[in-house]
Amino acid sequence: MTLGDLFNLLSQNPAIILFFFVAVPLTALLAGIFGRGEGHLNPWKYLYCILIYLTMIPGIFAITLNVYTFLFERQSIYNTNLYTQILPLISMIITILIIRRNVDLIEIPGFDRLSGLVLLLTGIISFMWILDRTHIIAIAILPFQWVLILFLVLLVAIRFGWKRLMS
């Protein structure tokens, strides 16, 4: 089964994916109602952690997929799959906004790792897009190790800049 086959299967049977991406924000909303003011305490904090991971992993994947299809494949926006490319983003944004009302996201275990994953993916996609758009032919005379070193320096610079921006 390919990724395209999976997306086609999910598009043909939308009940499962609709249930999942509606249940996660609804659970966050109910947790916010029942645990108002207690989001920083252990049982609620770990429930929010699970909800964040359940919605952010598909959301990050959908963002990456959208960027790839629009920048590299040059797909038209009219061919966007609502169930696999738009619904995870909407669910992720709604879930994060609901959870933010009850607890500071920094207090949620592992949230910093997800932001690091987003930063890493942004760096990789940016580097790939720059290489795709510039059509650098002179890079072929460089040894591949230098290209990897340049890429790692770019990632370290982005991470350092992000930490300076956040502090």
C-alpha atoms as a PDB file:
ATOM      1  CA  MET A   1       0.000   0.000   0.000  1.00  0.00           C
ATOM      2  CA  THR A   2       1.361   3.387  -0.940  1.00  0.00           C
ATOM      3  CA  LEU A   3       0.703   6.707   0.730  1.00  0.00           C
ATOM      4  CA  GLY A   4      -1.580   7.657  -2.164  1.00  0.00           C
ATOM      5  CA  ASP A   5      -3.555   4.437  -1.642  1.00  0.00           C
ATOM      6  CA  LEU A   6      -3.965   5.263   2.046  1.00  0.00           C
ATOM      7  CA  PHE A   7      -5.191   8.773   1.242  1.00  0.00           C
ATOM      8  CA  ASN A   8      -7.654   7.394  -1.306  1.00  0.00           C
ATOM      9  CA  LEU A   9      -8.916   4.845   1.223  1.00  0.00           C
ATOM     10  CA  LEU A  10      -9.408   7.542   3.855  1.00  0.00           C
ATOM     11  CA  SER A  11     -11.171   9.780   1.339  1.00  0.00           C
ATOM     12  CA  GLN A  12     -13.540   6.990   0.341  1.00  0.00           C
ATOM     13  CA  ASN A  13     -14.316   6.160   4.004  1.00  0.00           C
ATOM     14  CA  PRO A  14     -14.309   9.560   5.738  1.00  0.00           C
ATOM     15  CA  ALA A  15     -16.206   8.458   8.861  1.00  0.00           C
ATOM     16  CA  ILE A  16     -13.065   7.233  10.659  1.00  0.00           C
ATOM     17  CA  ILE A  17     -10.982  10.302   9.950  1.00  0.00           C
ATOM     18  CA  LEU A  18     -13.885  12.675  10.705  1.00  0.00           C
ATOM     19  CA  PHE A  19     -14.548  10.935  14.009  1.00  0.00           C
ATOM     20  CA  PHE A  20     -10.882  11.143  15.019  1.00  0.00           C
ATOM     21  CA  PHE A  21     -10.389  14.809  14.125  1.00  0.00           C
ATOM     22  CA  VAL A  22     -13.638  15.835  15.810  1.00  0.00           C
ATOM     23  CA  ALA A  23     -13.144  13.668  18.909  1.00  0.00           C
ATOM     24  CA  VAL A  24      -9.725  15.124  19.805  1.00  0.00           C
ATOM     25  CA  PRO A  25     -10.816  18.804  20.025  1.00  0.00           C
ATOM     26  CA  LEU A  26     -14.066  17.750  21.696  1.00  0.00           C
ATOM     27  CA  THR A  27     -12.088  15.822  24.328  1.00  0.00           C
ATOM     28  CA  ALA A  28      -9.874  18.880  24.855  1.00  0.00           C
ATOM     29  CA  LEU A  29     -12.981  21.023  25.279  1.00  0.00           C
ATOM     30  CA  LEU A  30     -14.490  18.629  27.835  1.00  0.00           C
ATOM     31  CA  ALA A  31     -11.167  18.424  29.687  1.00  0.00           C
ATOM     32  CA  GLY A  32     -11.061  22.207  29.762  1.00  0.00           C
ATOM     33  CA  ILE A  33     -14.563  22.359  31.214  1.00  0.00           C
ATOM     34  CA  PHE A  34     -14.052  19.666  33.862  1.00  0.00           C
ATOM     35  CA  GLY A  35     -10.499  20.641  34.787  1.00  0.00           C
ATOM     36  CA  ARG A  36     -10.801  24.426  34.707  1.00  0.00           C
ATOM     37  CA  GLY A  37      -7.833  25.960  36.492  1.00  0.00           C
ATOM     38  CA  GLU A  38      -6.223  22.559  37.096  1.00  0.00           C
ATOM     39  CA  GLY A  39      -4.523  22.078  33.718  1.00  0.00           C
ATOM     40  CA  HIS A  40      -1.056  22.260  35.223  1.00  0.00           C
ATOM     41  CA  LEU A  41      -1.753  19.316  37.561  1.00  0.00           C
ATOM     42  CA  ASN A  42      -0.668  15.786  36.713  1.00  0.00           C
ATOM     43  CA  PRO A  43      -3.741  13.969  35.397  1.00  0.00           C
ATOM     44  CA  TRP A  44      -4.862  16.881  33.207  1.00  0.00           C
ATOM     45  CA  LYS A  45      -1.347  17.698  32.052  1.00  0.00           C
ATOM     46  CA  TYR A  46      -0.829  14.179  30.700  1.00  0.00           C
ATOM     47  CA  LEU A  47      -4.259  14.100  29.078  1.00  0.00           C
ATOM     48  CA  TYR A  48      -3.390  17.348  27.317  1.00  0.00           C
ATOM     49  CA  CYS A  49      -0.042  15.830  26.314  1.00  0.00           C
ATOM     50  CA  ILE A  50      -1.799  12.877  24.678  1.00  0.00           C
ATOM     51  CA  LEU A  51      -4.269  15.170  22.920  1.00  0.00           C
ATOM     52  CA  ILE A  52      -1.474  17.434  21.668  1.00  0.00           C
ATOM     53  CA  TYR A  53       0.432  14.477  20.235  1.00  0.00           C
ATOM     54  CA  LEU A  54      -2.718  12.954  18.710  1.00  0.00           C
ATOM     55  CA  THR A  55      -3.454  16.151  16.837  1.00  0.00           C
ATOM     56  CA  MET A  56      -0.017  17.628  16.157  1.00  0.00           C
ATOM     57  CA  ILE A  57       1.627  14.617  14.539  1.00  0.00           C
ATOM     58  CA  PRO A  58      -1.036  14.388  11.788  1.00  0.00           C
ATOM     59  CA  GLY A  59      -1.133  18.203  11.610  1.00  0.00           C
ATOM     60  CA  ILE A  60       2.625  18.486  11.132  1.00  0.00           C
ATOM     61  CA  PHE A  61       2.452  15.722   8.534  1.00  0.00           C
ATOM     62  CA  ALA A  62      -0.357  17.575   6.726  1.00  0.00           C
ATOM     63  CA  ILE A  63       1.648  20.814   6.728  1.00  0.00           C
ATOM     64  CA  THR A  64       4.688  18.992   5.359  1.00  0.00           C
ATOM     65  CA  LEU A  65       2.557  17.275   2.733  1.00  0.00           C
ATOM     66  CA  ASN A  66       0.952  20.569   1.702  1.00  0.00           C
ATOM     67  CA  VAL A  67       4.293  22.328   1.412  1.00  0.00           C
ATOM     68  CA  TYR A  68       5.702  19.451  -0.607  1.00  0.00           C
ATOM     69  CA  THR A  69       2.760  19.211  -3.003  1.00  0.00           C
ATOM     70  CA  PHE A  70       2.502  22.958  -3.565  1.00  0.00           C
ATOM     71  CA  LEU A  71       6.221  23.809  -3.776  1.00  0.00           C
ATOM     72  CA  PHE A  72       7.792  20.737  -5.326  1.00  0.00           C
ATOM     73  CA  GLU A  73       4.972  18.961  -7.163  1.00  0.00           C
ATOM     74  CA  ARG A  74       3.334  22.276  -8.137  1.00  0.00           C
ATOM     75  CA  GLN A  75      -0.103  20.828  -7.476  1.00  0.00           C
ATOM     76  CA  SER A  76      -3.104  23.084  -7.894  1.00  0.00           C
ATOM     77  CA  ILE A  77      -4.920  24.140  -4.754  1.00  0.00           C
ATOM     78  CA  TYR A  78      -8.118  22.826  -6.339  1.00  0.00           C
ATOM     79  CA  ASN A  79      -6.772  19.264  -5.996  1.00  0.00           C
ATOM     80  CA  THR A  80      -6.310  19.544  -2.228  1.00  0.00           C
ATOM     81  CA  ASN A  81      -7.756  16.612  -0.296  1.00  0.00           C
ATOM     82  CA  LEU A  82      -9.937  18.055   2.460  1.00  0.00           C
ATOM     83  CA  TYR A  83      -9.780  14.974   4.674  1.00  0.00           C
ATOM     84  CA  THR A  84      -6.015  14.461   4.662  1.00  0.00           C
ATOM     85  CA  GLN A  85      -4.608  17.926   4.001  1.00  0.00           C
ATOM     86  CA  ILE A  86      -7.028  20.433   5.544  1.00  0.00           C
ATOM     87  CA  LEU A  87      -8.933  18.634   8.346  1.00  0.00           C
ATOM     88  CA  PRO A  88      -5.778  17.726  10.354  1.00  0.00           C
ATOM     89  CA  LEU A  89      -4.669  21.378  10.266  1.00  0.00           C
ATOM     90  CA  ILE A  90      -8.041  22.668  11.436  1.00  0.00           C
ATOM     91  CA  SER A  91      -8.222  20.055  14.190  1.00  0.00           C
ATOM     92  CA  MET A  92      -4.662  20.853  15.314  1.00  0.00           C
ATOM     93  CA  ILE A  93      -5.300  24.596  15.498  1.00  0.00           C
ATOM     94  CA  ILE A  94      -8.613  24.213  17.335  1.00  0.00           C
ATOM     95  CA  THR A  95      -7.163  21.703  19.808  1.00  0.00           C
ATOM     96  CA  ILE A  96      -4.157  23.887  20.603  1.00  0.00           C
ATOM     97  CA  LEU A  97      -6.346  26.965  21.083  1.00  0.00           C
ATOM     98  CA  ILE A  98      -8.685  25.072  23.417  1.00  0.00           C
ATOM     99  CA  ILE A  99      -5.820  23.636  25.468  1.00  0.00           C
ATOM    100  CA  ARG A 100      -4.052  27.018  25.666  1.00  0.00           C
ATOM    101  CA  ARG A 101      -7.070  28.475  27.457  1.00  0.00           C
ATOM    102  CA  ASN A 102      -6.583  26.106  30.395  1.00  0.00           C
ATOM    103  CA  VAL A 103      -2.833  25.486  30.585  1.00  0.00           C
ATOM    104  CA  ASP A 104       0.393  27.062  29.401  1.00  0.00           C
ATOM    105  CA  LEU A 105       1.754  24.897  26.574  1.00  0.00           C
ATOM    106  CA  ILE A 106       5.273  24.977  28.022  1.00  0.00           C
ATOM    107  CA  GLU A 107       4.004  22.965  31.021  1.00  0.00           C
ATOM    108  CA  ILE A 108       2.893  20.108  28.760  1.00  0.00           C
ATOM    109  CA  PRO A 109       5.482  17.302  28.675  1.00  0.00           C
ATOM    110  CA  GLY A 110       7.159  16.903  25.290  1.00  0.00           C
ATOM    111  CA  PHE A 111       5.751  20.040  23.691  1.00  0.00           C
ATOM    112  CA  ASP A 112       9.262  21.431  23.237  1.00  0.00           C
ATOM    113  CA  ARG A 113      10.191  18.307  21.268  1.00  0.00           C
ATOM    114  CA  LEU A 114       7.308  18.888  18.877  1.00  0.00           C
ATOM    115  CA  SER A 115       8.386  22.479  18.304  1.00  0.00           C
ATOM    116  CA  GLY A 116      11.906  21.159  17.652  1.00  0.00           C
ATOM    117  CA  LEU A 117      10.457  18.720  15.111  1.00  0.00           C
ATOM    118  CA  VAL A 118       8.647  21.570  13.360  1.00  0.00           C
ATOM    119  CA  LEU A 119      11.873  23.572  13.333  1.00  0.00           C
ATOM    120  CA  LEU A 120      13.844  20.656  11.903  1.00  0.00           C
ATOM    121  CA  LEU A 121      11.252  20.043   9.178  1.00  0.00           C
ATOM    122  CA  THR A 122      11.184  23.750   8.341  1.00  0.00           C
ATOM    123  CA  GLY A 123      14.960  23.787   7.976  1.00  0.00           C
ATOM    124  CA  ILE A 124      15.000  20.689   5.800  1.00  0.00           C
ATOM    125  CA  ILE A 125      12.189  21.862   3.537  1.00  0.00           C
ATOM    126  CA  SER A 126      13.719  25.333   3.242  1.00  0.00           C
ATOM    127  CA  PHE A 127      17.092  23.864   2.281  1.00  0.00           C
ATOM    128  CA  MET A 128      15.482  21.540  -0.270  1.00  0.00           C
ATOM    129  CA  TRP A 129      13.413  24.402  -1.719  1.00  0.00           C
ATOM    130  CA  ILE A 130      16.476  26.639  -2.037  1.00  0.00           C
ATOM    131  CA  LEU A 131      18.359  23.856  -3.810  1.00  0.00           C
ATOM    132  CA  ASP A 132      15.370  23.215  -6.079  1.00  0.00           C
ATOM    133  CA  ARG A 133      14.851  26.877  -6.994  1.00  0.00           C
ATOM    134  CA  THR A 134      18.431  27.987  -7.474  1.00  0.00           C
ATOM    135  CA  HIS A 135      19.422  25.111  -9.755  1.00  0.00           C
ATOM    136  CA  ILE A 136      22.987  25.313  -8.520  1.00  0.00           C
ATOM    137  CA  ILE A 137      25.142  23.339 -10.891  1.00  0.00           C
ATOM    138  CA  ALA A 138      28.435  24.324  -9.304  1.00  0.00           C
ATOM    139  CA  ILE A 139      27.503  22.344  -6.199  1.00  0.00           C
ATOM    140  CA  ALA A 140      28.222  19.164  -8.171  1.00  0.00           C
ATOM    141  CA  ILE A 141      31.956  19.844  -7.922  1.00  0.00           C
ATOM    142  CA  LEU A 142      31.734  19.981  -4.124  1.00  0.00           C
ATOM    143  CA  PRO A 143      32.156  16.734  -2.243  1.00  0.00           C
ATOM    144  CA  PHE A 144      28.925  15.494  -0.717  1.00  0.00           C
ATOM    145  CA  GLN A 145      30.405  15.841   2.784  1.00  0.00           C
ATOM    146  CA  TRP A 146      30.599  19.612   2.337  1.00  0.00           C
ATOM    147  CA  VAL A 147      26.958  19.751   1.319  1.00  0.00           C
ATOM    148  CA  LEU A 148      26.035  17.842   4.489  1.00  0.00           C
ATOM    149  CA  ILE A 149      28.206  20.123   6.604  1.00  0.00           C
ATOM    150  CA  LEU A 150      26.557  23.171   5.041  1.00  0.00           C
ATOM    151  CA  PHE A 151      23.149  21.680   5.791  1.00  0.00           C
ATOM    152  CA  LEU A 152      24.057  20.958   9.420  1.00  0.00           C
ATOM    153  CA  VAL A 153      25.420  24.490   9.878  1.00  0.00           C
ATOM    154  CA  LEU A 154      22.148  25.840   8.476  1.00  0.00           C
ATOM    155  CA  LEU A 155      20.128  23.726  10.924  1.00  0.00           C
ATOM    156  CA  VAL A 156      22.270  24.814  13.885  1.00  0.00           C
ATOM    157  CA  ALA A 157      21.912  28.465  12.852  1.00  0.00           C
ATOM    158  CA  ILE A 158      18.132  28.129  12.564  1.00  0.00           C
ATOM    159  CA  ARG A 159      17.915  26.384  15.946  1.00  0.00           C
ATOM    160  CA  PHE A 160      20.154  29.008  17.590  1.00  0.00           C
ATOM    161  CA  GLY A 161      18.091  31.804  16.091  1.00  0.00           C
ATOM    162  CA  TRP A 162      14.865  30.167  17.227  1.00  0.00           C
ATOM    163  CA  LYS A 163      16.132  29.802  20.815  1.00  0.00           C
ATOM    164  CA  ARG A 164      17.283  33.433  20.853  1.00  0.00           C
ATOM    165  CA  LEU A 165      13.913  34.520  19.521  1.00  0.00           C
ATOM    166  CA  MET A 166      12.012  32.544  22.152  1.00  0.00           C
ATOM    167  CA  SER A 167      14.097  33.718  25.126  1.00  0.00           C
END
